[in-house]
Protein backbone atom coordinates (compact mmCIF):
# COMPACT_ATOMS: atom_id res chain seq x y z
CA MET A 1 160.22 58.29 109.60
CA LYS A 2 161.25 55.81 112.33
CA GLU A 3 158.03 56.06 114.12
CA THR A 4 156.29 54.84 110.91
CA ILE A 5 158.68 52.06 110.38
CA ILE A 6 158.29 50.62 113.83
CA LEU A 7 154.38 51.08 113.46
CA ILE A 8 154.61 48.93 110.36
CA CYS A 9 156.93 46.41 111.82
CA ALA A 10 154.68 46.13 115.02
CA TYR A 11 151.68 45.36 113.00
CA LEU A 12 153.66 42.83 111.07
CA LEU A 13 155.26 41.14 114.23
CA GLY A 14 151.61 41.03 115.64
CA SER A 15 150.22 39.52 112.43
CA VAL A 16 152.66 36.29 112.82
CA PRO A 17 150.23 33.50 113.87
CA THR A 18 152.19 31.91 116.74
CA GLY A 19 149.60 29.23 117.40
CA LEU A 20 149.07 28.21 113.77
CA LEU A 21 152.81 27.86 113.12
CA LEU A 22 153.33 25.84 116.20
CA ALA A 23 150.47 23.59 115.73
CA ARG A 24 151.58 23.25 111.92
CA ALA A 25 155.13 22.10 113.15
CA PHE A 26 153.24 19.19 114.56
CA GLY A 27 151.12 18.47 111.47
CA VAL A 28 147.98 20.12 112.85
CA ASN A 29 145.93 22.72 111.11
CA ILE A 30 144.64 24.59 114.30
CA ARG A 31 142.06 26.55 112.22
CA GLU A 32 140.42 23.18 111.45
CA THR A 33 140.54 21.75 115.08
CA GLY A 34 138.61 22.58 118.29
CA SER A 35 137.10 25.87 118.04
CA GLY A 36 139.13 26.80 115.00
CA ASN A 37 140.69 29.76 116.87
CA ILE A 38 144.41 30.57 116.36
CA GLY A 39 144.71 31.42 120.10
CA ALA A 40 146.55 29.92 123.19
CA THR A 41 143.19 28.49 124.54
CA ASN A 42 142.32 26.44 121.52
CA VAL A 43 145.93 25.40 121.12
CA TYR A 44 146.05 24.37 124.77
CA ARG A 45 142.91 22.32 124.57
CA THR A 46 143.88 20.59 121.27
CA MET A 47 147.89 20.43 121.42
CA GLY A 48 148.28 20.19 125.01
CA ARG A 49 149.72 22.49 127.91
CA LYS A 50 153.23 22.81 126.36
CA ILE A 51 152.28 24.05 123.05
CA GLY A 52 149.44 26.07 124.49
CA ILE A 53 151.84 27.92 126.90
CA LEU A 54 154.35 28.47 123.97
CA THR A 55 151.50 30.05 122.20
CA LEU A 56 150.47 32.43 125.02
CA VAL A 57 154.11 33.39 125.58
CA GLY A 58 154.67 34.00 121.70
CA ASP A 59 151.60 35.98 121.33
CA CYS A 60 152.30 38.05 124.55
CA LEU A 61 155.58 38.83 123.34
CA LYS A 62 154.23 40.08 119.97
CA GLY A 63 152.70 42.84 121.86
CA LEU A 64 155.45 43.59 124.43
CA ILE A 65 158.41 43.77 122.18
CA PRO A 66 157.36 46.62 120.01
CA VAL A 67 156.23 48.54 123.09
CA LEU A 68 159.56 48.24 124.95
CA ALA A 69 161.32 48.94 121.79
CA ALA A 70 159.34 52.26 121.49
CA ILE A 71 159.83 53.09 124.88
CA TRP A 72 163.51 51.93 125.84
CA LEU A 73 165.36 52.02 122.62
CA LEU A 74 163.73 54.79 120.74
CA GLY A 75 162.24 56.95 123.59
CA LEU A 76 159.25 57.77 121.71
CA PRO A 77 156.47 60.07 123.01
CA GLU A 78 153.35 58.23 124.71
CA ILE A 79 151.16 58.87 121.59
CA TRP A 80 153.48 56.75 119.33
CA VAL A 81 153.95 54.08 122.17
CA ALA A 82 150.07 53.72 122.17
CA ALA A 83 150.08 53.57 118.41
CA ILE A 84 152.55 50.87 118.21
CA GLY A 85 150.99 49.07 120.87
CA LEU A 86 147.62 49.16 119.12
CA ALA A 87 149.30 48.21 115.85
CA ALA A 88 150.81 45.12 117.33
CA PHE A 89 147.48 44.10 118.77
CA LEU A 90 145.46 44.74 115.52
CA GLY A 91 148.15 42.69 113.68
CA HIS A 92 147.25 39.57 115.77
CA VAL A 93 143.46 40.33 115.44
CA TYR A 94 143.58 41.15 111.68
CA SER A 95 146.60 39.33 110.40
CA VAL A 96 147.78 40.23 106.91
CA PHE A 97 149.05 36.75 106.82
CA LEU A 98 145.65 35.12 107.38
CA GLY A 99 143.50 37.35 105.16
CA PHE A 100 143.02 40.10 107.85
CA LYS A 101 141.60 37.37 110.12
CA GLY A 102 143.18 36.29 113.41
CA GLY A 103 142.76 35.60 116.94
CA LYS A 104 140.81 37.29 119.88
CA GLY A 105 143.77 39.48 120.99
CA VAL A 106 143.94 38.63 124.70
CA ALA A 107 147.42 37.43 124.90
CA THR A 108 148.86 40.18 122.69
CA ALA A 109 146.76 42.86 124.57
CA LEU A 110 148.51 41.31 127.63
CA GLY A 111 151.99 42.01 126.13
CA VAL A 112 150.98 45.55 125.03
CA LEU A 113 149.58 46.44 128.51
CA LEU A 114 152.52 44.63 130.32
CA GLY A 115 154.79 47.21 128.55
CA THR A 116 152.71 50.18 128.96
CA SER A 117 150.88 49.71 132.31
CA PRO A 118 152.13 46.61 134.41
CA LEU A 119 150.20 47.55 137.56
CA SER A 120 147.11 47.68 135.61
CA VAL A 121 147.78 44.31 134.12
CA LEU A 122 148.31 42.92 137.75
CA CYS A 123 144.93 44.17 138.81
CA ALA A 124 143.12 42.90 135.74
CA LEU A 125 144.97 39.48 136.03
CA ALA A 126 143.62 39.15 139.54
CA LEU A 127 140.05 39.53 138.29
CA PHE A 128 140.84 37.11 135.36
CA ALA A 129 142.10 34.52 137.95
CA LEU A 130 139.10 34.98 140.17
CA VAL A 131 136.46 34.57 137.30
CA LEU A 132 138.49 31.59 135.85
CA TYR A 133 138.55 29.93 139.35
CA ARG A 134 134.87 30.48 140.13
CA TRP A 135 133.31 29.80 136.65
CA ARG A 136 136.12 28.01 134.79
CA TYR A 137 135.44 29.86 131.56
CA VAL A 138 138.49 31.55 129.99
CA SER A 139 136.26 33.52 127.68
CA ALA A 140 134.45 34.97 130.77
CA ALA A 141 137.54 35.69 132.57
CA SER A 142 138.98 37.44 129.36
CA ILE A 143 135.90 39.40 128.93
CA ALA A 144 135.86 40.63 132.62
CA ALA A 145 139.62 41.58 132.57
CA ALA A 146 139.25 43.44 129.29
CA ALA A 147 136.26 45.32 130.53
CA VAL A 148 138.26 46.54 133.80
CA ILE A 149 141.69 47.41 132.17
CA PRO A 150 140.74 50.75 130.92
CA VAL A 151 139.49 51.66 134.34
CA PHE A 152 142.77 50.48 135.98
CA VAL A 153 144.84 52.25 133.11
CA THR A 154 142.79 55.44 134.10
CA LEU A 155 143.31 55.25 137.74
CA LEU A 156 147.03 54.18 137.65
CA GLN A 157 148.25 55.91 134.67
CA GLY A 158 145.99 58.70 133.56
CA LYS A 159 147.77 59.20 130.47
CA PRO A 160 145.14 60.00 127.74
CA GLU A 161 146.86 58.23 124.95
CA LEU A 162 147.14 54.82 127.01
CA ILE A 163 143.60 55.34 128.05
CA VAL A 164 142.35 55.59 124.44
CA MET A 165 144.56 52.54 123.39
CA SER A 166 143.22 50.55 126.45
CA LEU A 167 139.73 51.39 125.50
CA ALA A 168 140.08 50.29 121.89
CA ILE A 169 141.72 47.17 122.79
CA ALA A 170 139.04 46.27 125.42
CA ALA A 171 136.13 47.03 122.91
CA ILE A 172 137.68 44.83 120.17
CA VAL A 173 138.65 42.02 122.46
CA ILE A 174 134.97 41.99 123.85
CA PHE A 175 133.75 42.17 120.17
CA ARG A 176 135.77 39.30 119.15
CA HIS A 177 134.25 37.19 122.12
CA ARG A 178 130.83 37.70 120.81
CA GLU A 179 130.22 34.12 119.76
CA ASN A 180 131.47 33.19 123.20
CA ILE A 181 129.16 35.49 124.83
CA SER A 182 126.23 33.83 123.07
CA ARG A 183 127.36 30.57 124.20
CA LEU A 184 127.73 31.70 127.70
CA ARG A 185 124.08 32.78 127.70
CA ALA A 186 123.06 29.53 126.14
CA GLY A 187 124.92 27.55 128.78
CA THR A 188 126.95 25.86 126.01
CA GLU A 189 130.43 27.48 126.43
CA THR A 190 133.13 24.94 126.97
CA ARG A 191 134.74 25.13 130.65
CA PHE A 192 138.52 25.21 131.13
CA LYS A 193 140.20 22.07 132.30
CA ALA A 194 143.80 22.40 133.70
C-alpha cells in the first residue's frame, strides 16, 4: 500500500509545473513566451538567469526527492525505486495539472538519475557540457546525454530495473525533442547564450 501511495505522490510532485509557477509569480505566462515550453531553458531565455536556475533546481528536485524517499526512508526494492522515479519523470512530461502536457523532462530525469545512478549522471553531464560548449545547442546536448545515459547505467549499475527505467526516460526525452531535432537539421535551432 505504501508503495502505491508514494508512486502516486511522486507523479503528483512531478506534475507541479515549476517554471510556469515561477514565471506566473512575475506576471508572465511562460507557455505564451519564447518557445512556449515550461522547462528551465525557456524560462532562462525569457525570465533571466536566476529564475531559469530556480526552475532547473525545482524540476530536478521533483525527481530526486521521491527517489531518495523510496531508497533512504522506505528502503523499497529496486523495482519500486525505478517505478517511482519513472512516475515523477512522467508527471513532469505529462502533468495532470496541465491537461497531461508538460516539459521535456531533462531536469526531472537528472534528479531521478542523480538519486539512482549518480556516477552515470556525471558521465552524461560531461558529454552534455562538451556538446553544449562545442555547438551551443541545449537541445543537442540534452539529446546526446539522454542517448548515452542507459549505456552508463548498464555499465556502472547493471541493475535491470534501473536499466529499463533509464531506457524509458531516454526514449521519452529524445521523443519530446523531436521538434528541436527538426530545427537542428534545418539549421534554425536557437543557440544558447550564457
